């Protein structure tokens, strides 16, 4: 983690235009306090610090560069990018905070290691009359992966109820930005700890400690939900699906006489609950329909196995229609097992399903090389009825087309003439 001076977005843009293709994201306008966040840490003891001065003429790595197996470029930005690309999964993520109220410059390395985001302003004073700033803090927490200190949470709890007076467009803007951030679970947990999420999404909060109310063990669906949200690709539809997909379980849980827990039709109920949440957040109808469809049908892709035929894959493609990509993206993230063999199995099945879908689509997109009505033309030419001989001739003709000895897309009579001319034995076999 590194810290910078206060810079305008225009100044930042002038330097980082060339890095955007490497994953740089500028997420605020106006004066900002910035930090470059590396998504995967270096080995213990390797903590590079990147510093930008006000004039933007100097970018240095405050670290023993001999620790890095990287060719050092004359251009310091290229140098930093090379190190980032070699040692981190996501080369750069630009984190910004508006209004200068959260000072990452005063957030120490110890704070970062402890997951804390320290303010330079007294929380009660900062929040007074500005309940929207609770949502802003949740957004910053999601962007940085850091939680504010307990004094902020105490102050936010005092004003949590005022969130109901806030314009729902503000709800939507801040919440959606938080939901697609790199560590949205941190922002969600913060809103819950502040008592704000309970006002906005009571359906989600009902999952908290829900597993403790059952005599028969089942997984903690609150913890599962937070993990899945983070794992999903940063698509609004997929992240909302992840957040709401298990909400229906709270009202559908049953335990049979063998002590097995079921949540029959929780998908349908979850989709219904999502419509209520969408109205609360004033989500667009198109986005709402998209999310609700995936919630209601997310189990379809989860049951894929290597035993599926092409027809079964084709049926999935047809039934999911325009929602297929969302369903697959969510399905590939909907697991939280810690067992290595199971993680490997789920990932391999997901990859195989995507490959099978591509193969079936490619197969179905091919134009048949032989025309319809060829069988009738062959029977007319020979005077024979249907039989295996027709299949043998068509198979031979397809091989001729594939080998390039015969054109595809001709008239049926032309293929009959080709057989008569080059392989009449096939007709005699009829």
Protein backbone atom coordinates (compact mmCIF):
# COMPACT_ATOMS: atom_id res chain seq x y z
CA UNK A 1 0.00 0.00 0.00
CA UNK A 2 1.29 3.47 -0.73
CA UNK A 3 0.23 7.01 -0.07
CA UNK A 4 0.21 10.18 -2.20
CA UNK A 5 -0.34 13.89 -2.00
CA UNK A 6 -3.77 15.39 -2.75
CA UNK A 7 -4.13 15.56 -6.54
CA UNK A 8 -6.91 16.51 -8.93
CA UNK A 9 -8.45 13.86 -11.14
CA UNK A 10 -7.11 15.74 -14.20
CA UNK A 11 -3.56 15.48 -12.88
CA UNK A 12 -4.02 11.81 -12.10
CA UNK A 13 -5.45 11.15 -15.56
CA UNK A 14 -2.51 12.83 -17.28
CA UNK A 15 -0.14 10.34 -15.69
CA UNK A 16 -2.20 7.16 -15.65
CA UNK A 17 -3.78 7.19 -19.12
CA UNK A 18 -1.17 4.70 -20.28
CA UNK A 19 -1.87 2.38 -17.32
CA UNK A 20 -5.65 2.10 -17.75
CA UNK A 21 -5.29 -0.85 -20.08
CA UNK A 22 -3.38 -2.57 -17.26
CA UNK A 23 -6.29 -2.32 -14.86
CA UNK A 24 -6.17 1.23 -13.49
CA UNK A 25 -9.57 2.46 -12.40
CA UNK A 26 -10.28 6.06 -11.42
CA UNK A 27 -13.45 6.12 -9.39
CA UNK A 28 -13.92 9.70 -8.17
CA UNK A 29 -13.75 13.26 -9.49
CA UNK A 30 -12.34 16.39 -7.89
CA UNK A 31 -9.65 16.54 -5.18
CA UNK A 32 -8.84 13.07 -3.94
CA UNK A 33 -6.59 11.23 -1.55
CA UNK A 34 -5.19 8.23 -3.36
CA UNK A 35 -3.68 4.88 -2.63
CA UNK A 36 -2.49 2.20 -5.03
CA UNK A 37 -3.75 -1.14 -3.82
CA UNK A 38 -2.06 -4.41 -4.82
CA UNK A 39 -4.60 -7.22 -4.76
CA UNK A 40 -2.09 -9.93 -3.81
CA UNK A 41 0.71 -9.19 -1.30
CA UNK A 42 4.34 -9.93 -1.90
CA UNK A 43 6.14 -12.53 0.23
CA UNK A 44 6.69 -11.52 3.84
CA UNK A 45 9.08 -8.60 4.19
CA UNK A 46 8.50 -7.30 0.63
CA UNK A 47 6.53 -4.07 0.95
CA UNK A 48 7.14 -1.72 -2.00
CA UNK A 49 5.97 1.86 -1.59
CA UNK A 50 5.06 3.95 -4.63
CA UNK A 51 5.22 7.72 -4.12
CA UNK A 52 3.90 10.45 -6.45
CA UNK A 53 4.93 14.02 -5.73
CA UNK A 54 2.81 17.08 -6.44
CA UNK A 55 4.53 17.84 -9.72
CA UNK A 56 4.00 14.26 -10.92
CA UNK A 57 7.57 14.17 -12.18
CA UNK A 58 8.87 11.53 -9.82
CA UNK A 59 7.65 7.99 -9.25
CA UNK A 60 9.99 5.82 -7.23
CA UNK A 61 9.91 2.40 -5.63
CA UNK A 62 11.03 2.83 -2.01
CA UNK A 63 12.33 -0.70 -1.81
CA UNK A 64 15.45 -2.70 -2.55
CA UNK A 65 14.80 -3.37 -6.24
CA UNK A 66 17.32 -6.21 -6.19
CA UNK A 67 14.55 -8.23 -4.53
CA UNK A 68 12.63 -8.10 -7.81
CA UNK A 69 13.55 -10.14 -10.85
CA UNK A 70 12.51 -7.30 -13.16
CA UNK A 71 14.41 -5.33 -15.78
CA UNK A 72 14.41 -1.72 -14.56
CA UNK A 73 13.22 0.75 -17.19
CA UNK A 74 14.33 4.36 -17.48
CA UNK A 75 10.69 5.44 -17.21
CA UNK A 76 9.67 5.04 -13.53
CA UNK A 77 6.00 4.44 -14.43
CA UNK A 78 7.00 1.57 -16.72
CA UNK A 79 9.25 0.33 -13.95
CA UNK A 80 6.42 0.26 -11.42
CA UNK A 81 4.07 -1.33 -13.93
CA UNK A 82 6.58 -4.06 -14.74
CA UNK A 83 6.91 -4.95 -11.06
CA UNK A 84 3.14 -4.92 -10.59
CA UNK A 85 2.53 -7.12 -13.63
CA UNK A 86 5.09 -9.67 -12.52
CA UNK A 87 4.18 -9.95 -8.85
CA UNK A 88 0.46 -9.23 -8.69
CA UNK A 89 -2.60 -10.88 -10.25
CA UNK A 90 -4.29 -7.51 -10.89
CA UNK A 91 -1.53 -5.04 -11.79
CA UNK A 92 -3.16 -1.86 -10.42
CA UNK A 93 -6.27 -0.81 -8.62
CA UNK A 94 -6.65 2.92 -8.03
CA UNK A 95 -8.55 3.66 -4.83
CA UNK A 96 -9.88 7.17 -4.28
CA UNK A 97 -11.79 8.95 -1.53
CA UNK A 98 -13.65 12.19 -2.05
CA UNK A 99 -13.92 15.28 0.17
CA UNK A 100 -10.60 14.55 1.90
CA UNK A 101 -12.44 13.18 4.94
CA UNK A 102 -10.76 9.78 4.95
CA UNK A 103 -7.02 10.26 4.94
CA UNK A 104 -5.20 7.18 3.75
CA UNK A 105 -2.05 9.20 4.34
CA UNK A 106 -2.75 8.93 8.08
CA UNK A 107 -3.77 5.30 7.85
CA UNK A 108 -0.62 3.56 9.03
CA UNK A 109 0.85 0.28 7.82
CA UNK A 110 -0.29 -1.21 11.15
CA UNK A 111 -3.83 -0.01 10.39
CA UNK A 112 -3.70 -1.58 6.93
CA UNK A 113 -2.46 -4.89 8.33
CA UNK A 114 -5.29 -4.78 10.89
CA UNK A 115 -7.85 -3.92 8.19
CA UNK A 116 -8.62 -0.45 9.62
CA UNK A 117 -9.42 2.74 7.72
CA UNK A 118 -8.62 5.68 10.01
CA UNK A 119 -10.38 9.05 9.73
CA UNK A 120 -8.81 12.44 10.33
CA UNK A 121 -12.21 13.96 11.25
CA UNK A 122 -14.23 13.13 14.37
CA UNK A 123 -16.95 10.69 13.12
CA UNK A 124 -19.94 12.22 14.94
CA UNK A 125 -19.12 15.65 13.59
CA UNK A 126 -18.56 14.31 10.07
CA UNK A 127 -21.84 12.35 10.02
CA UNK A 128 -24.03 15.06 11.55
CA UNK A 129 -26.87 15.72 9.09
CA UNK A 130 -25.16 13.63 6.38
CA UNK A 131 -26.40 10.06 6.69
CA UNK A 132 -25.39 9.50 3.05
CA UNK A 133 -21.80 9.47 4.30
CA UNK A 134 -22.42 6.09 5.93
CA UNK A 135 -22.99 4.75 2.43
CA UNK A 136 -19.88 6.56 1.20
CA UNK A 137 -17.81 4.98 3.95
CA UNK A 138 -19.19 1.55 3.00
CA UNK A 139 -18.15 2.24 -0.58
CA UNK A 140 -14.62 3.19 0.46
CA UNK A 141 -14.40 0.12 2.68
CA UNK A 142 -15.41 -2.04 -0.28
CA UNK A 143 -12.81 -0.37 -2.49
CA UNK A 144 -9.96 -0.67 0.01
CA UNK A 145 -10.93 -3.77 2.00
CA UNK A 146 -10.50 -1.71 5.19
CA UNK A 147 -13.07 -1.11 7.95
CA UNK A 148 -13.41 2.19 9.82
CA UNK A 149 -12.66 2.19 13.53
CA UNK A 150 -15.27 1.43 16.21
CA UNK A 151 -15.92 5.11 16.95
CA UNK A 152 -17.27 5.54 13.43
CA UNK A 153 -19.58 2.53 13.80
CA UNK A 154 -20.91 3.85 17.12
CA UNK A 155 -21.63 7.24 15.55
CA UNK A 156 -23.26 5.67 12.49
CA UNK A 157 -25.56 3.50 14.62
CA UNK A 158 -26.95 6.64 16.20
CA UNK A 159 -28.07 7.96 12.79
CA UNK A 160 -28.89 4.66 11.05
CA UNK A 161 -32.67 5.23 10.99
CA UNK A 162 -32.25 8.44 9.00
CA UNK A 163 -31.25 6.34 5.99
CA UNK A 164 -34.99 5.90 5.37
CA UNK A 165 -35.25 9.63 4.62
CA UNK A 166 -32.51 9.51 2.02
CA UNK A 167 -33.42 9.73 -1.66
CA UNK A 168 -33.59 6.23 -3.15
CA UNK A 169 -31.50 7.32 -6.12
CA UNK A 170 -28.70 7.99 -3.62
CA UNK A 171 -29.28 4.50 -2.17
CA UNK A 172 -28.96 2.98 -5.61
CA UNK A 173 -25.91 4.98 -6.70
CA UNK A 174 -23.82 4.25 -3.62
CA UNK A 175 -25.00 0.70 -3.02
CA UNK A 176 -24.49 -0.41 -6.62
CA UNK A 177 -20.98 1.09 -6.64
CA UNK A 178 -20.21 -0.73 -3.40
CA UNK A 179 -21.63 -4.01 -4.68
CA UNK A 180 -19.28 -4.20 -7.67
CA UNK A 181 -16.18 -3.09 -5.73
CA UNK A 182 -13.25 -5.43 -5.24
CA UNK A 183 -14.13 -6.30 -1.59
CA UNK A 184 -17.86 -5.60 -1.36
CA UNK A 185 -18.28 -7.98 1.59
CA UNK A 186 -16.42 -5.49 3.80
CA UNK A 187 -18.86 -2.72 2.90
CA UNK A 188 -21.86 -4.99 3.44
CA UNK A 189 -20.58 -6.06 6.85
CA UNK A 190 -20.01 -2.41 7.77
CA UNK A 191 -23.59 -1.47 6.81
CA UNK A 192 -24.84 -4.39 8.92
CA UNK A 193 -22.69 -3.40 11.91
CA UNK A 194 -24.00 0.17 11.65
CA UNK A 195 -27.63 -0.99 11.55
CA UNK A 196 -28.15 0.52 8.08
CA UNK A 197 -28.43 -2.71 6.07
CA UNK A 198 -31.33 -3.74 8.30
CA UNK A 199 -33.23 -0.67 7.07
CA UNK A 200 -32.35 -1.22 3.42
CA UNK A 201 -32.38 -5.00 2.96
CA UNK A 202 -34.01 -6.79 5.87
CA UNK A 203 -34.29 -9.88 3.64
CA UNK A 204 -30.49 -10.14 3.54
CA UNK A 205 -30.07 -9.41 7.26
CA UNK A 206 -32.48 -12.23 8.12
CA UNK A 207 -29.74 -14.64 7.01
CA UNK A 208 -27.39 -13.44 9.77
CA UNK A 209 -26.97 -16.27 12.31
CA UNK A 210 -30.00 -18.01 10.77
CA UNK A 211 -28.18 -21.36 10.91
CA UNK A 212 -28.05 -21.10 14.71
CA UNK A 213 -31.86 -21.33 14.92
CA UNK A 214 -31.94 -24.91 13.61
CA UNK A 215 -31.33 -28.01 15.71
CA UNK A 216 -29.90 -29.69 12.60
CA UNK A 217 -26.63 -28.28 11.28
CA UNK A 218 -26.54 -26.45 7.96
CA UNK A 219 -24.12 -23.89 6.57
CA UNK A 220 -24.03 -20.25 7.64
CA UNK A 221 -25.79 -18.65 4.67
CA UNK A 222 -24.79 -15.12 5.74
CA UNK A 223 -21.10 -15.93 5.59
CA UNK A 224 -21.65 -17.96 2.41
CA UNK A 225 -23.40 -14.99 0.78
CA UNK A 226 -20.61 -12.52 1.59
CA UNK A 227 -17.97 -14.86 0.19
CA UNK A 228 -19.92 -15.55 -2.99
CA UNK A 229 -20.56 -11.84 -3.61
CA UNK A 230 -16.80 -11.18 -3.55
CA UNK A 231 -16.07 -14.13 -5.83
CA UNK A 232 -18.56 -13.13 -8.53
CA UNK A 233 -17.40 -11.02 -11.50
CA UNK A 234 -18.13 -7.31 -10.97
CA UNK A 235 -21.43 -7.31 -12.86
CA UNK A 236 -24.41 -5.63 -11.17
CA UNK A 237 -26.80 -8.40 -12.20
CA UNK A 238 -24.51 -11.18 -10.99
CA UNK A 239 -23.52 -9.43 -7.73
CA UNK A 240 -27.18 -8.65 -6.86
CA UNK A 241 -27.97 -12.31 -7.62
CA UNK A 242 -25.22 -13.41 -5.24
CA UNK A 243 -26.50 -11.08 -2.51
CA UNK A 244 -30.13 -12.25 -2.75
CA UNK A 245 -29.91 -15.85 -4.02
CA UNK A 246 -30.30 -17.53 -0.60
CA UNK A 247 -32.73 -15.08 1.04
CA UNK A 248 -35.64 -17.42 0.35
CA UNK A 249 -34.06 -20.10 2.53
CA UNK A 250 -35.06 -18.25 5.71
CA UNK A 251 -38.75 -18.95 5.02
CA UNK A 252 -38.53 -22.32 3.25
CA UNK A 253 -36.40 -24.39 5.62
CA UNK A 254 -37.80 -27.79 6.57
CA UNK A 255 -36.27 -30.77 8.36
CA UNK A 256 -37.53 -34.26 7.47
CA UNK A 257 -37.88 -37.22 9.83
CA UNK A 258 -34.35 -38.32 8.95
CA UNK A 259 -32.90 -35.01 10.10
CA UNK A 260 -32.10 -33.74 6.61
CA UNK A 261 -32.53 -30.02 5.93
CA UNK A 262 -34.33 -28.85 2.78
CA UNK A 263 -35.10 -25.45 1.30
CA UNK A 264 -37.70 -26.41 -1.30
CA UNK A 265 -38.49 -23.65 -3.82
CA UNK A 266 -36.25 -21.11 -2.11
CA UNK A 267 -35.13 -19.93 -5.56
CA UNK A 268 -38.66 -18.81 -6.49
CA UNK A 269 -39.18 -17.06 -3.17
CA UNK A 270 -35.76 -15.39 -3.45
CA UNK A 271 -36.74 -14.01 -6.87
CA UNK A 272 -39.97 -12.65 -5.37
CA UNK A 273 -38.09 -11.02 -2.49
CA UNK A 274 -35.71 -9.45 -5.01
CA UNK A 275 -38.59 -7.63 -6.69
CA UNK A 276 -39.38 -5.94 -3.40
CA UNK A 277 -35.75 -4.96 -2.92
CA UNK A 278 -35.54 -3.67 -6.49
CA UNK A 279 -38.53 -1.40 -5.93
CA UNK A 280 -36.91 -0.06 -2.74
CA UNK A 281 -33.71 0.78 -4.64
CA UNK A 282 -35.53 2.02 -7.77
CA UNK A 283 -33.62 -0.42 -9.97
CA UNK A 284 -34.53 -0.42 -13.66
CA UNK A 285 -37.07 -2.97 -14.85
CA UNK A 286 -34.59 -4.59 -17.23
CA UNK A 287 -31.98 -5.07 -14.51
CA UNK A 288 -34.61 -6.32 -12.06
CA UNK A 289 -35.94 -8.91 -14.52
CA UNK A 290 -32.40 -10.05 -15.29
CA UNK A 291 -31.51 -10.50 -11.61
CA UNK A 292 -34.79 -12.23 -10.73
CA UNK A 293 -34.42 -14.69 -13.59
CA UNK A 294 -30.94 -15.76 -12.46
CA UNK A 295 -32.04 -16.07 -8.81
CA UNK A 296 -35.02 -18.20 -9.83
CA UNK A 297 -32.97 -20.44 -12.12
CA UNK A 298 -29.48 -20.46 -10.62
CA UNK A 299 -29.64 -24.14 -9.69
CA UNK A 300 -29.94 -25.25 -13.32
CA UNK A 301 -26.23 -24.90 -14.12
CA UNK A 302 -25.20 -26.18 -10.69
CA UNK A 303 -26.43 -29.69 -11.54
CA UNK A 304 -24.22 -30.02 -14.63
CA UNK A 305 -22.20 -33.24 -14.83
CA UNK A 306 -19.89 -34.82 -17.37
CA UNK A 307 -22.71 -37.22 -18.21
CA UNK A 308 -24.77 -34.50 -19.90
CA UNK A 309 -25.39 -35.11 -23.60
CA UNK A 310 -25.17 -32.40 -26.24
CA UNK A 311 -28.97 -32.36 -26.21
CA UNK A 312 -28.97 -31.53 -22.50
CA UNK A 313 -26.46 -28.71 -23.04
CA UNK A 314 -28.53 -27.46 -25.98
CA UNK A 315 -31.65 -27.48 -23.76
CA UNK A 316 -29.83 -25.38 -21.14
CA UNK A 317 -28.80 -22.86 -23.81
CA UNK A 318 -32.36 -22.67 -25.14
CA UNK A 319 -34.05 -22.41 -21.74
CA UNK A 320 -31.68 -19.77 -20.33
CA UNK A 321 -31.81 -17.65 -23.48
CA UNK A 322 -30.22 -14.20 -23.01
CA UNK A 323 -29.58 -14.97 -19.32
CA UNK A 324 -27.18 -17.86 -19.94
CA UNK A 325 -23.97 -15.91 -19.36
CA UNK A 326 -25.28 -14.48 -16.06
CA UNK A 327 -26.41 -17.92 -14.88
CA UNK A 328 -23.03 -19.47 -15.72
CA UNK A 329 -21.06 -16.59 -14.15
CA UNK A 330 -23.00 -16.91 -10.91
CA UNK A 331 -22.94 -20.71 -10.87
CA UNK A 332 -19.13 -20.75 -11.16
CA UNK A 333 -18.90 -18.55 -8.03
CA UNK A 334 -21.58 -20.19 -5.89
CA UNK A 335 -19.41 -22.35 -3.65
CA UNK A 336 -17.50 -21.71 -0.43
CA UNK A 337 -15.99 -25.08 0.36
CA UNK A 338 -12.47 -25.11 1.77
CA UNK A 339 -11.76 -28.66 0.58
CA UNK A 340 -9.14 -28.47 -2.17
CA UNK A 341 -10.46 -31.47 -4.09
CA UNK A 342 -13.98 -30.00 -4.17
CA UNK A 343 -12.74 -26.58 -5.30
CA UNK A 344 -10.81 -28.27 -8.10
CA UNK A 345 -13.86 -30.32 -9.09
CA UNK A 346 -16.19 -27.29 -9.16
CA UNK A 347 -13.74 -25.23 -11.22
CA UNK A 348 -13.18 -28.05 -13.70
CA UNK A 349 -16.91 -28.65 -14.12
CA UNK A 350 -17.49 -24.95 -14.69
CA UNK A 351 -14.75 -24.76 -17.29
CA UNK A 352 -16.05 -27.86 -19.02
CA UNK A 353 -19.63 -26.56 -19.15
CA UNK A 354 -18.46 -23.31 -20.77
CA UNK A 355 -16.43 -25.35 -23.28
CA UNK A 356 -19.40 -27.64 -24.03
CA UNK A 357 -21.67 -24.63 -24.57
CA UNK A 358 -19.18 -23.14 -27.04
CA UNK A 359 -18.86 -26.45 -28.86
CA UNK A 360 -22.63 -26.94 -29.17
CA UNK A 361 -23.10 -23.37 -30.36
CA UNK A 362 -20.36 -23.82 -32.96
CA UNK A 363 -21.87 -27.10 -34.11
CA UNK A 364 -25.35 -25.60 -34.40
CA UNK A 365 -24.03 -22.57 -36.30
CA UNK A 366 -22.61 -24.69 -39.09
CA UNK A 367 -24.52 -24.62 -42.39
CA UNK A 368 -25.43 -28.20 -43.41
CA UNK A 369 -23.25 -29.09 -46.43
CA UNK A 370 -26.01 -31.12 -48.09
CA UNK A 371 -29.45 -29.76 -49.02
CA UNK A 372 -32.79 -30.92 -47.72
CA UNK A 373 -34.59 -33.25 -50.11
CA UNK A 374 -31.43 -35.11 -51.16
CA UNK A 375 -32.86 -38.41 -49.90
CA UNK A 376 -36.00 -38.00 -52.04
CA UNK A 377 -33.86 -37.10 -55.07
CA UNK A 378 -31.77 -40.25 -54.59
CA UNK A 379 -34.86 -42.45 -54.23
CA UNK A 380 -36.38 -40.91 -57.39
CA UNK A 381 -33.16 -41.47 -59.35
CA UNK A 382 -32.83 -45.13 -58.31
CA UNK A 383 -36.44 -46.13 -57.87
CA UNK A 384 -35.62 -47.59 -54.46
CA UNK A 385 -37.30 -46.89 -51.14
CA UNK A 386 -35.78 -45.63 -47.90
CA UNK A 387 -33.00 -47.65 -46.30
CA UNK A 388 -29.53 -47.63 -44.84
CA UNK A 389 -28.09 -46.98 -48.28
CA UNK A 390 -29.32 -43.39 -48.15
CA UNK A 391 -27.32 -42.73 -45.00
CA UNK A 392 -24.22 -44.34 -46.51
CA UNK A 393 -24.44 -42.09 -49.57
CA UNK A 394 -25.02 -38.92 -47.56
CA UNK A 395 -22.12 -39.77 -45.24
CA UNK A 396 -19.84 -40.31 -48.26
CA UNK A 397 -20.95 -37.01 -49.82
CA UNK A 398 -20.29 -35.12 -46.54
CA UNK A 399 -16.77 -36.60 -46.47
CA UNK A 400 -16.22 -35.45 -50.08
CA UNK A 401 -17.30 -31.91 -49.16
CA UNK A 402 -15.07 -31.86 -46.06
CA UNK A 403 -12.09 -33.08 -48.13
CA UNK A 404 -12.63 -30.24 -50.60
CA UNK A 405 -13.36 -32.50 -53.57
CA UNK A 406 -16.98 -31.34 -53.75
CA UNK A 407 -18.67 -28.01 -53.05
CA UNK A 408 -21.32 -27.68 -50.38
CA UNK A 409 -24.63 -25.88 -50.87
CA UNK A 410 -25.40 -27.30 -54.35
CA UNK A 411 -28.79 -28.46 -55.58
CA UNK A 412 -29.86 -32.02 -54.70
CA UNK A 413 -29.83 -33.14 -58.34
CA UNK A 414 -26.17 -32.08 -58.64
CA UNK A 415 -25.19 -34.40 -55.78
CA UNK A 416 -27.12 -37.27 -57.37
CA UNK A 417 -25.20 -36.68 -60.63
CA UNK A 418 -21.90 -36.57 -58.70
CA UNK A 419 -22.59 -39.99 -57.15
CA UNK A 420 -23.61 -41.42 -60.50
CA UNK A 421 -20.43 -40.09 -62.07
CA UNK A 422 -17.80 -40.86 -59.41
CA UNK A 423 -19.13 -43.68 -57.23
CA UNK A 424 -22.04 -45.48 -58.91
CA UNK A 425 -21.41 -48.57 -56.75
CA UNK A 426 -23.16 -46.78 -53.89
CA UNK A 427 -26.32 -46.55 -55.97
CA UNK A 428 -26.07 -50.18 -57.04
CA UNK A 429 -25.85 -51.19 -53.36
CA UNK A 430 -29.36 -49.78 -52.90
